[in-house]
Amino acid sequence: MSFSNQRQFARLSVSDDTLAYDETGRKLGQVTMVGGGGMAIRIADASLKFTPGDRLKITVVESAGDNRNTVQATVVYLHGDTLGLEFV
């Protein structure tokens, strides 16, 4: 049996109203997936530009704003409106 297609970290469910903000408080968009190694964000504004290798400080706010977590992450990809990030 080959395990080459297994992920190192499981993907975790997040609620539809989990949002990501940059260090200036600007809304980046909706967090669509989180795993032990990173996350994906559906970008809210097409004018936001990112390049693989960019390093960001992101605050993730869950639901009613009760839970906030700030992480450092590096941009891995931007496909359409989805930003892929790896935790640093």
PDB file of N, CA and C in Angstrom:
ATOM      1  N   MET A   1       0.845  -1.180   0.000  1.00  0.00           N
ATOM      2  CA  MET A   1       0.000   0.000   0.000  1.00  0.00           C
ATOM      3  C   MET A   1       0.888   1.241   0.000  1.00  0.00           C
ATOM      4  N   SER A   2       0.589   2.176  -0.871  1.00  0.00           N
ATOM      5  CA  SER A   2       1.372   3.410  -0.970  1.00  0.00           C
ATOM      6  C   SER A   2       0.690   4.533  -0.205  1.00  0.00           C
ATOM      7  N   PHE A   3       1.470   5.277   0.544  1.00  0.00           N
ATOM      8  CA  PHE A   3       0.948   6.403   1.299  1.00  0.00           C
ATOM      9  C   PHE A   3       1.407   7.727   0.701  1.00  0.00           C
ATOM     10  N   SER A   4       1.884   7.729  -0.528  1.00  0.00           N
ATOM     11  CA  SER A   4       2.451   8.932  -1.132  1.00  0.00           C
ATOM     12  C   SER A   4       1.420  10.037  -1.343  1.00  0.00           C
ATOM     13  N   ASN A   5       0.136   9.696  -1.388  1.00  0.00           N
ATOM     14  CA  ASN A   5      -0.893  10.708  -1.608  1.00  0.00           C
ATOM     15  C   ASN A   5      -1.524  11.217  -0.316  1.00  0.00           C
ATOM     16  N   GLN A   6      -1.079  10.709   0.832  1.00  0.00           N
ATOM     17  CA  GLN A   6      -1.642  11.168   2.096  1.00  0.00           C
ATOM     18  C   GLN A   6      -1.044  12.510   2.473  1.00  0.00           C
ATOM     19  N   ARG A   7      -1.865  13.340   3.080  1.00  0.00           N
ATOM     20  CA  ARG A   7      -1.404  14.631   3.561  1.00  0.00           C
ATOM     21  C   ARG A   7      -0.677  14.445   4.881  1.00  0.00           C
ATOM     22  N   GLN A   8       0.311  15.311   5.116  1.00  0.00           N
ATOM     23  CA  GLN A   8       1.020  15.258   6.386  1.00  0.00           C
ATOM     24  C   GLN A   8       0.105  15.695   7.521  1.00  0.00           C
ATOM     25  N   PHE A   9      -0.773  16.672   7.249  1.00  0.00           N
ATOM     26  CA  PHE A   9      -1.704  17.193   8.246  1.00  0.00           C
ATOM     27  C   PHE A   9      -3.120  17.087   7.699  1.00  0.00           C
ATOM     28  N   ALA A  10      -4.051  16.730   8.565  1.00  0.00           N
ATOM     29  CA  ALA A  10      -5.452  16.643   8.160  1.00  0.00           C
ATOM     30  C   ALA A  10      -6.017  18.044   7.934  1.00  0.00           C
ATOM     31  N   ARG A  11      -6.979  18.144   7.038  1.00  0.00           N
ATOM     32  CA  ARG A  11      -7.706  19.405   6.849  1.00  0.00           C
ATOM     33  C   ARG A  11      -8.791  19.488   7.907  1.00  0.00           C
ATOM     34  N   LEU A  12      -8.991  20.696   8.422  1.00  0.00           N
ATOM     35  CA  LEU A  12      -9.986  20.906   9.468  1.00  0.00           C
ATOM     36  C   LEU A  12     -11.138  21.748   8.943  1.00  0.00           C
ATOM     37  N   SER A  13     -12.316  21.474   9.431  1.00  0.00           N
ATOM     38  CA  SER A  13     -13.492  22.250   9.043  1.00  0.00           C
ATOM     39  C   SER A  13     -13.479  23.613   9.721  1.00  0.00           C
ATOM     40  N   VAL A  14     -13.918  24.606   9.013  1.00  0.00           N
ATOM     41  CA  VAL A  14     -14.096  25.942   9.580  1.00  0.00           C
ATOM     42  C   VAL A  14     -15.485  26.428   9.183  1.00  0.00           C
ATOM     43  N   SER A  15     -16.070  27.268  10.022  1.00  0.00           N
ATOM     44  CA  SER A  15     -17.398  27.775   9.708  1.00  0.00           C
ATOM     45  C   SER A  15     -17.312  28.767   8.542  1.00  0.00           C
ATOM     46  N   ASP A  16     -18.429  28.953   7.862  1.00  0.00           N
ATOM     47  CA  ASP A  16     -18.467  29.844   6.697  1.00  0.00           C
ATOM     48  C   ASP A  16     -18.162  31.292   7.044  1.00  0.00           C
ATOM     49  N   ASP A  17     -18.274  31.651   8.318  1.00  0.00           N
ATOM     50  CA  ASP A  17     -18.024  33.042   8.684  1.00  0.00           C
ATOM     51  C   ASP A  17     -16.676  33.233   9.387  1.00  0.00           C
ATOM     52  N   THR A  18     -15.732  32.342   9.102  1.00  0.00           N
ATOM     53  CA  THR A  18     -14.371  32.500   9.610  1.00  0.00           C
ATOM     54  C   THR A  18     -13.612  33.383   8.622  1.00  0.00           C
ATOM     55  N   LEU A  19     -13.133  34.519   9.110  1.00  0.00           N
ATOM     56  CA  LEU A  19     -12.508  35.515   8.244  1.00  0.00           C
ATOM     57  C   LEU A  19     -11.055  35.737   8.597  1.00  0.00           C
ATOM     58  N   ALA A  20     -10.281  36.206   7.607  1.00  0.00           N
ATOM     59  CA  ALA A  20      -8.863  36.499   7.802  1.00  0.00           C
ATOM     60  C   ALA A  20      -8.611  37.979   7.536  1.00  0.00           C
ATOM     61  N   TYR A  21      -7.759  38.569   8.383  1.00  0.00           N
ATOM     62  CA  TYR A  21      -7.387  39.983   8.281  1.00  0.00           C
ATOM     63  C   TYR A  21      -5.873  40.101   8.296  1.00  0.00           C
ATOM     64  N   ASP A  22      -5.338  41.099   7.577  1.00  0.00           N
ATOM     65  CA  ASP A  22      -3.891  41.300   7.630  1.00  0.00           C
ATOM     66  C   ASP A  22      -3.535  42.129   8.855  1.00  0.00           C
ATOM     67  N   GLU A  23      -2.258  42.430   9.032  1.00  0.00           N
ATOM     68  CA  GLU A  23      -1.809  43.111  10.252  1.00  0.00           C
ATOM     69  C   GLU A  23      -2.288  44.553  10.353  1.00  0.00           C
ATOM     70  N   THR A  24      -2.799  45.126   9.252  1.00  0.00           N
ATOM     71  CA  THR A  24      -3.355  46.480   9.315  1.00  0.00           C
ATOM     72  C   THR A  24      -4.848  46.469   9.606  1.00  0.00           C
ATOM     73  N   GLY A  25      -5.440  45.248   9.680  1.00  0.00           N
ATOM     74  CA  GLY A  25      -6.869  45.126   9.921  1.00  0.00           C
ATOM     75  C   GLY A  25      -7.698  45.021   8.655  1.00  0.00           C
ATOM     76  N   ARG A  26      -7.036  45.027   7.497  1.00  0.00           N
ATOM     77  CA  ARG A  26      -7.736  44.905   6.217  1.00  0.00           C
ATOM     78  C   ARG A  26      -8.248  43.479   6.047  1.00  0.00           C
ATOM     79  N   LYS A  27      -9.521  43.342   5.686  1.00  0.00           N
ATOM     80  CA  LYS A  27     -10.122  42.023   5.469  1.00  0.00           C
ATOM     81  C   LYS A  27      -9.524  41.395   4.222  1.00  0.00           C
ATOM     82  N   LEU A  28      -8.955  40.190   4.390  1.00  0.00           N
ATOM     83  CA  LEU A  28      -8.417  39.453   3.255  1.00  0.00           C
ATOM     84  C   LEU A  28      -9.491  38.598   2.607  1.00  0.00           C
ATOM     85  N   GLY A  29     -10.326  37.958   3.438  1.00  0.00           N
ATOM     86  CA  GLY A  29     -11.389  37.132   2.897  1.00  0.00           C
ATOM     87  C   GLY A  29     -11.785  36.016   3.838  1.00  0.00           C
ATOM     88  N   GLN A  30     -12.520  35.054   3.289  1.00  0.00           N
ATOM     89  CA  GLN A  30     -13.049  33.927   4.057  1.00  0.00           C
ATOM     90  C   GLN A  30     -12.039  32.789   4.090  1.00  0.00           C
ATOM     91  N   VAL A  31     -11.782  32.268   5.280  1.00  0.00           N
ATOM     92  CA  VAL A  31     -10.929  31.084   5.409  1.00  0.00           C
ATOM     93  C   VAL A  31     -11.761  29.888   4.966  1.00  0.00           C
ATOM     94  N   THR A  32     -11.269  29.151   3.972  1.00  0.00           N
ATOM     95  CA  THR A  32     -12.031  28.033   3.434  1.00  0.00           C
ATOM     96  C   THR A  32     -11.488  26.679   3.864  1.00  0.00           C
ATOM     97  N   MET A  33     -10.221  26.642   4.300  1.00  0.00           N
ATOM     98  CA  MET A  33      -9.611  25.381   4.718  1.00  0.00           C
ATOM     99  C   MET A  33      -8.456  25.698   5.646  1.00  0.00           C
ATOM    100  N   VAL A  34      -8.310  24.862   6.678  1.00  0.00           N
ATOM    101  CA  VAL A  34      -7.175  24.986   7.595  1.00  0.00           C
ATOM    102  C   VAL A  34      -6.631  23.591   7.847  1.00  0.00           C
ATOM    103  N   GLY A  35      -5.326  23.490   7.877  1.00  0.00           N
ATOM    104  CA  GLY A  35      -4.660  22.238   8.217  1.00  0.00           C
ATOM    105  C   GLY A  35      -3.479  22.557   9.115  1.00  0.00           C
ATOM    106  N   GLY A  36      -2.796  21.538   9.562  1.00  0.00           N
ATOM    107  CA  GLY A  36      -1.651  21.754  10.430  1.00  0.00           C
ATOM    108  C   GLY A  36      -0.519  22.515   9.766  1.00  0.00           C
ATOM    109  N   GLY A  37      -0.477  22.498   8.441  1.00  0.00           N
ATOM    110  CA  GLY A  37       0.614  23.155   7.725  1.00  0.00           C
ATOM    111  C   GLY A  37       0.277  24.475   7.099  1.00  0.00           C
ATOM    112  N   GLY A  38      -1.012  24.814   7.028  1.00  0.00           N
ATOM    113  CA  GLY A  38      -1.374  26.069   6.373  1.00  0.00           C
ATOM    114  C   GLY A  38      -2.874  26.236   6.246  1.00  0.00           C
ATOM    115  N   MET A  39      -3.266  27.173   5.387  1.00  0.00           N
ATOM    116  CA  MET A  39      -4.686  27.443   5.184  1.00  0.00           C
ATOM    117  C   MET A  39      -4.922  28.029   3.804  1.00  0.00           C
ATOM    118  N   ALA A  40      -6.176  28.043   3.419  1.00  0.00           N
ATOM    119  CA  ALA A  40      -6.593  28.669   2.169  1.00  0.00           C
ATOM    120  C   ALA A  40      -7.616  29.748   2.501  1.00  0.00           C
ATOM    121  N   ILE A  41      -7.513  30.854   1.775  1.00  0.00           N
ATOM    122  CA  ILE A  41      -8.418  31.992   1.961  1.00  0.00           C
ATOM    123  C   ILE A  41      -9.025  32.350   0.613  1.00  0.00           C
ATOM    124  N   ARG A  42     -10.351  32.517   0.583  1.00  0.00           N
ATOM    125  CA  ARG A  42     -11.022  33.023  -0.616  1.00  0.00           C
ATOM    126  C   ARG A  42     -10.944  34.542  -0.529  1.00  0.00           C
ATOM    127  N   ILE A  43     -10.167  35.143  -1.401  1.00  0.00           N
ATOM    128  CA  ILE A  43      -9.896  36.578  -1.368  1.00  0.00           C
ATOM    129  C   ILE A  43     -11.169  37.377  -1.645  1.00  0.00           C
ATOM    130  N   ALA A  44     -11.423  38.370  -0.785  1.00  0.00           N
ATOM    131  CA  ALA A  44     -12.643  39.171  -0.866  1.00  0.00           C
ATOM    132  C   ALA A  44     -12.560  40.273  -1.923  1.00  0.00           C
ATOM    133  N   ASP A  45     -11.351  40.721  -2.235  1.00  0.00           N
ATOM    134  CA  ASP A  45     -11.172  41.874  -3.111  1.00  0.00           C
ATOM    135  C   ASP A  45     -10.123  41.536  -4.165  1.00  0.00           C
ATOM    136  N   ALA A  46     -10.534  41.532  -5.423  1.00  0.00           N
ATOM    137  CA  ALA A  46      -9.629  41.164  -6.516  1.00  0.00           C
ATOM    138  C   ALA A  46      -8.453  42.120  -6.654  1.00  0.00           C
ATOM    139  N   SER A  47      -8.541  43.298  -6.056  1.00  0.00           N
ATOM    140  CA  SER A  47      -7.424  44.243  -6.160  1.00  0.00           C
ATOM    141  C   SER A  47      -6.269  43.876  -5.220  1.00  0.00           C
ATOM    142  N   LEU A  48      -6.503  42.942  -4.276  1.00  0.00           N
ATOM    143  CA  LEU A  48      -5.430  42.496  -3.396  1.00  0.00           C
ATOM    144  C   LEU A  48      -4.470  41.628  -4.201  1.00  0.00           C
ATOM    145  N   LYS A  49      -3.196  41.964  -4.145  1.00  0.00           N
ATOM    146  CA  LYS A  49      -2.191  41.233  -4.927  1.00  0.00           C
ATOM    147  C   LYS A  49      -1.198  40.545  -4.005  1.00  0.00           C
ATOM    148  N   PHE A  50      -0.902  39.291  -4.317  1.00  0.00           N
ATOM    149  CA  PHE A  50       0.042  38.502  -3.546  1.00  0.00           C
ATOM    150  C   PHE A  50       0.952  37.744  -4.492  1.00  0.00           C
ATOM    151  N   THR A  51       2.161  37.489  -4.043  1.00  0.00           N
ATOM    152  CA  THR A  51       3.151  36.760  -4.823  1.00  0.00           C
ATOM    153  C   THR A  51       3.684  35.618  -3.970  1.00  0.00           C
ATOM    154  N   PRO A  52       3.860  34.433  -4.559  1.00  0.00           N
ATOM    155  CA  PRO A  52       4.460  33.348  -3.782  1.00  0.00           C
ATOM    156  C   PRO A  52       5.757  33.823  -3.114  1.00  0.00           C
ATOM    157  N   GLY A  53       5.875  33.490  -1.836  1.00  0.00           N
ATOM    158  CA  GLY A  53       7.031  33.922  -1.056  1.00  0.00           C
ATOM    159  C   GLY A  53       6.736  35.097  -0.150  1.00  0.00           C
ATOM    160  N   ASP A  54       5.652  35.850  -0.438  1.00  0.00           N
ATOM    161  CA  ASP A  54       5.266  36.952   0.454  1.00  0.00           C
ATOM    162  C   ASP A  54       5.005  36.393   1.839  1.00  0.00           C
ATOM    163  N   ARG A  55       5.462  37.107   2.850  1.00  0.00           N
ATOM    164  CA  ARG A  55       5.234  36.683   4.237  1.00  0.00           C
ATOM    165  C   ARG A  55       4.190  37.602   4.851  1.00  0.00           C
ATOM    166  N   LEU A  56       3.177  37.012   5.491  1.00  0.00           N
ATOM    167  CA  LEU A  56       2.058  37.767   6.036  1.00  0.00           C
ATOM    168  C   LEU A  56       1.834  37.433   7.503  1.00  0.00           C
ATOM    169  N   LYS A  57       1.350  38.407   8.237  1.00  0.00           N
ATOM    170  CA  LYS A  57       0.866  38.184   9.599  1.00  0.00           C
ATOM    171  C   LYS A  57      -0.650  38.269   9.504  1.00  0.00           C
ATOM    172  N   ILE A  58      -1.323  37.172   9.790  1.00  0.00           N
ATOM    173  CA  ILE A  58      -2.766  37.069   9.563  1.00  0.00           C
ATOM    174  C   ILE A  58      -3.482  36.778  10.869  1.00  0.00           C
ATOM    175  N   THR A  59      -4.574  37.492  11.086  1.00  0.00           N
ATOM    176  CA  THR A  59      -5.440  37.205  12.227  1.00  0.00           C
ATOM    177  C   THR A  59      -6.702  36.542  11.700  1.00  0.00           C
ATOM    178  N   VAL A  60      -6.980  35.359  12.233  1.00  0.00           N
ATOM    179  CA  VAL A  60      -8.173  34.599  11.853  1.00  0.00           C
ATOM    180  C   VAL A  60      -9.213  34.821  12.940  1.00  0.00           C
ATOM    181  N   VAL A  61     -10.405  35.262  12.513  1.00  0.00           N
ATOM    182  CA  VAL A  61     -11.497  35.542  13.442  1.00  0.00           C
ATOM    183  C   VAL A  61     -12.627  34.563  13.137  1.00  0.00           C
ATOM    184  N   GLU A  62     -12.984  33.784  14.152  1.00  0.00           N
ATOM    185  CA  GLU A  62     -14.041  32.794  13.987  1.00  0.00           C
ATOM    186  C   GLU A  62     -15.389  33.340  14.421  1.00  0.00           C
ATOM    187  N   SER A  63     -16.410  32.955  13.699  1.00  0.00           N
ATOM    188  CA  SER A  63     -17.817  33.209  14.019  1.00  0.00           C
ATOM    189  C   SER A  63     -18.095  34.599  14.553  1.00  0.00           C
ATOM    190  N   ALA A  64     -18.550  34.663  15.791  1.00  0.00           N
ATOM    191  CA  ALA A  64     -18.997  35.925  16.381  1.00  0.00           C
ATOM    192  C   ALA A  64     -17.838  36.791  16.863  1.00  0.00           C
ATOM    193  N   GLY A  65     -16.621  36.418  16.535  1.00  0.00           N
ATOM    194  CA  GLY A  65     -15.479  37.214  16.940  1.00  0.00           C
ATOM    195  C   GLY A  65     -14.908  36.840  18.289  1.00  0.00           C
ATOM    196  N   ASP A  66     -15.439  35.764  18.868  1.00  0.00           N
ATOM    197  CA  ASP A  66     -14.958  35.332  20.177  1.00  0.00           C
ATOM    198  C   ASP A  66     -13.558  34.731  20.120  1.00  0.00           C
ATOM    199  N   ASN A  67     -13.254  34.036  19.038  1.00  0.00           N
ATOM    200  CA  ASN A  67     -11.950  33.389  18.901  1.00  0.00           C
ATOM    201  C   ASN A  67     -11.119  34.102  17.845  1.00  0.00           C
ATOM    202  N   ARG A  68      -9.927  34.545  18.244  1.00  0.00           N
ATOM    203  CA  ARG A  68      -8.994  35.196  17.334  1.00  0.00           C
ATOM    204  C   ARG A  68      -7.639  34.539  17.497  1.00  0.00           C
ATOM    205  N   ASN A  69      -7.016  34.241  16.372  1.00  0.00           N
ATOM    206  CA  ASN A  69      -5.672  33.661  16.389  1.00  0.00           C
ATOM    207  C   ASN A  69      -4.839  34.371  15.327  1.00  0.00           C
ATOM    208  N   THR A  70      -3.638  34.758  15.708  1.00  0.00           N
ATOM    209  CA  THR A  70      -2.740  35.423  14.767  1.00  0.00           C
ATOM    210  C   THR A  70      -1.598  34.482  14.441  1.00  0.00           C
ATOM    211  N   VAL A  71      -1.312  34.353  13.145  1.00  0.00           N
ATOM    212  CA  VAL A  71      -0.270  33.445  12.669  1.00  0.00           C
ATOM    213  C   VAL A  71       0.605  34.153  11.636  1.00  0.00           C
ATOM    214  N   GLN A  72       1.809  33.657  11.499  1.00  0.00           N
ATOM    215  CA  GLN A  72       2.708  34.073  10.425  1.00  0.00           C
ATOM    216  C   GLN A  72       2.576  33.028   9.325  1.00  0.00           C
ATOM    217  N   ALA A  73       2.514  33.472   8.087  1.00  0.00           N
ATOM    218  CA  ALA A  73       2.366  32.529   6.979  1.00  0.00           C
ATOM    219  C   ALA A  73       3.068  33.064   5.738  1.00  0.00           C
ATOM    220  N   THR A  74       3.425  32.142   4.864  1.00  0.00           N
ATOM    221  CA  THR A  74       4.051  32.477   3.592  1.00  0.00           C
ATOM    222  C   THR A  74       3.103  32.094   2.469  1.00  0.00           C
ATOM    223  N   VAL A  75       2.960  32.980   1.485  1.00  0.00           N
ATOM    224  CA  VAL A  75       2.118  32.696   0.325  1.00  0.00           C
ATOM    225  C   VAL A  75       2.765  31.587  -0.498  1.00  0.00           C
ATOM    226  N   VAL A  76       1.990  30.536  -0.756  1.00  0.00           N
ATOM    227  CA  VAL A  76       2.454  29.430  -1.578  1.00  0.00           C
ATOM    228  C   VAL A  76       1.897  29.562  -2.996  1.00  0.00           C
ATOM    229  N   TYR A  77       0.621  29.941  -3.095  1.00  0.00           N
ATOM    230  CA  TYR A  77       0.015  30.092  -4.424  1.00  0.00           C
ATOM    231  C   TYR A  77      -1.169  31.050  -4.367  1.00  0.00           C
ATOM    232  N   LEU A  78      -1.532  31.541  -5.529  1.00  0.00           N
ATOM    233  CA  LEU A  78      -2.769  32.300  -5.723  1.00  0.00           C
ATOM    234  C   LEU A  78      -3.373  31.782  -7.020  1.00  0.00           C
ATOM    235  N   HIS A  79      -4.466  31.027  -6.891  1.00  0.00           N
ATOM    236  CA  HIS A  79      -5.187  30.479  -8.045  1.00  0.00           C
ATOM    237  C   HIS A  79      -6.571  31.087  -8.053  1.00  0.00           C
ATOM    238  N   GLY A  80      -6.857  31.903  -9.052  1.00  0.00           N
ATOM    239  CA  GLY A  80      -8.154  32.571  -9.103  1.00  0.00           C
ATOM    240  C   GLY A  80      -8.314  33.438  -7.872  1.00  0.00           C
ATOM    241  N   ASP A  81      -9.357  33.159  -7.092  1.00  0.00           N
ATOM    242  CA  ASP A  81      -9.589  33.950  -5.875  1.00  0.00           C
ATOM    243  C   ASP A  81      -9.160  33.212  -4.611  1.00  0.00           C
ATOM    244  N   THR A  82      -8.369  32.129  -4.750  1.00  0.00           N
ATOM    245  CA  THR A  82      -7.939  31.355  -3.596  1.00  0.00           C
ATOM    246  C   THR A  82      -6.450  31.546  -3.332  1.00  0.00           C
ATOM    247  N   LEU A  83      -6.159  31.980  -2.113  1.00  0.00           N
ATOM    248  CA  LEU A  83      -4.800  32.216  -1.649  1.00  0.00           C
ATOM    249  C   LEU A  83      -4.374  31.044  -0.772  1.00  0.00           C
ATOM    250  N   GLY A  84      -3.306  30.352  -1.140  1.00  0.00           N
ATOM    251  CA  GLY A  84      -2.779  29.240  -0.373  1.00  0.00           C
ATOM    252  C   GLY A  84      -1.603  29.694   0.470  1.00  0.00           C
ATOM    253  N   LEU A  85      -1.650  29.397   1.763  1.00  0.00           N
ATOM    254  CA  LEU A  85      -0.621  29.855   2.700  1.00  0.00           C
ATOM    255  C   LEU A  85      -0.034  28.691   3.480  1.00  0.00           C
ATOM    256  N   GLU A  86       1.250  28.794   3.775  1.00  0.00           N
ATOM    257  CA  GLU A  86       1.938  27.821   4.627  1.00  0.00           C
ATOM    258  C   GLU A  86       2.326  28.515   5.909  1.00  0.00           C
ATOM    259  N   PHE A  87       2.004  27.888   7.053  1.00  0.00           N
ATOM    260  CA  PHE A  87       2.379  28.476   8.339  1.00  0.00           C
ATOM    261  C   PHE A  87       3.895  28.474   8.492  1.00  0.00           C
ATOM    262  N   VAL A  88       4.399  29.548   9.097  1.00  0.00           N
ATOM    263  CA  VAL A  88       5.844  29.680   9.335  1.00  0.00           C
ATOM    264  C   VAL A  88       6.124  29.330  10.776  1.00  0.00           C
TER     265      VAL A  88
END
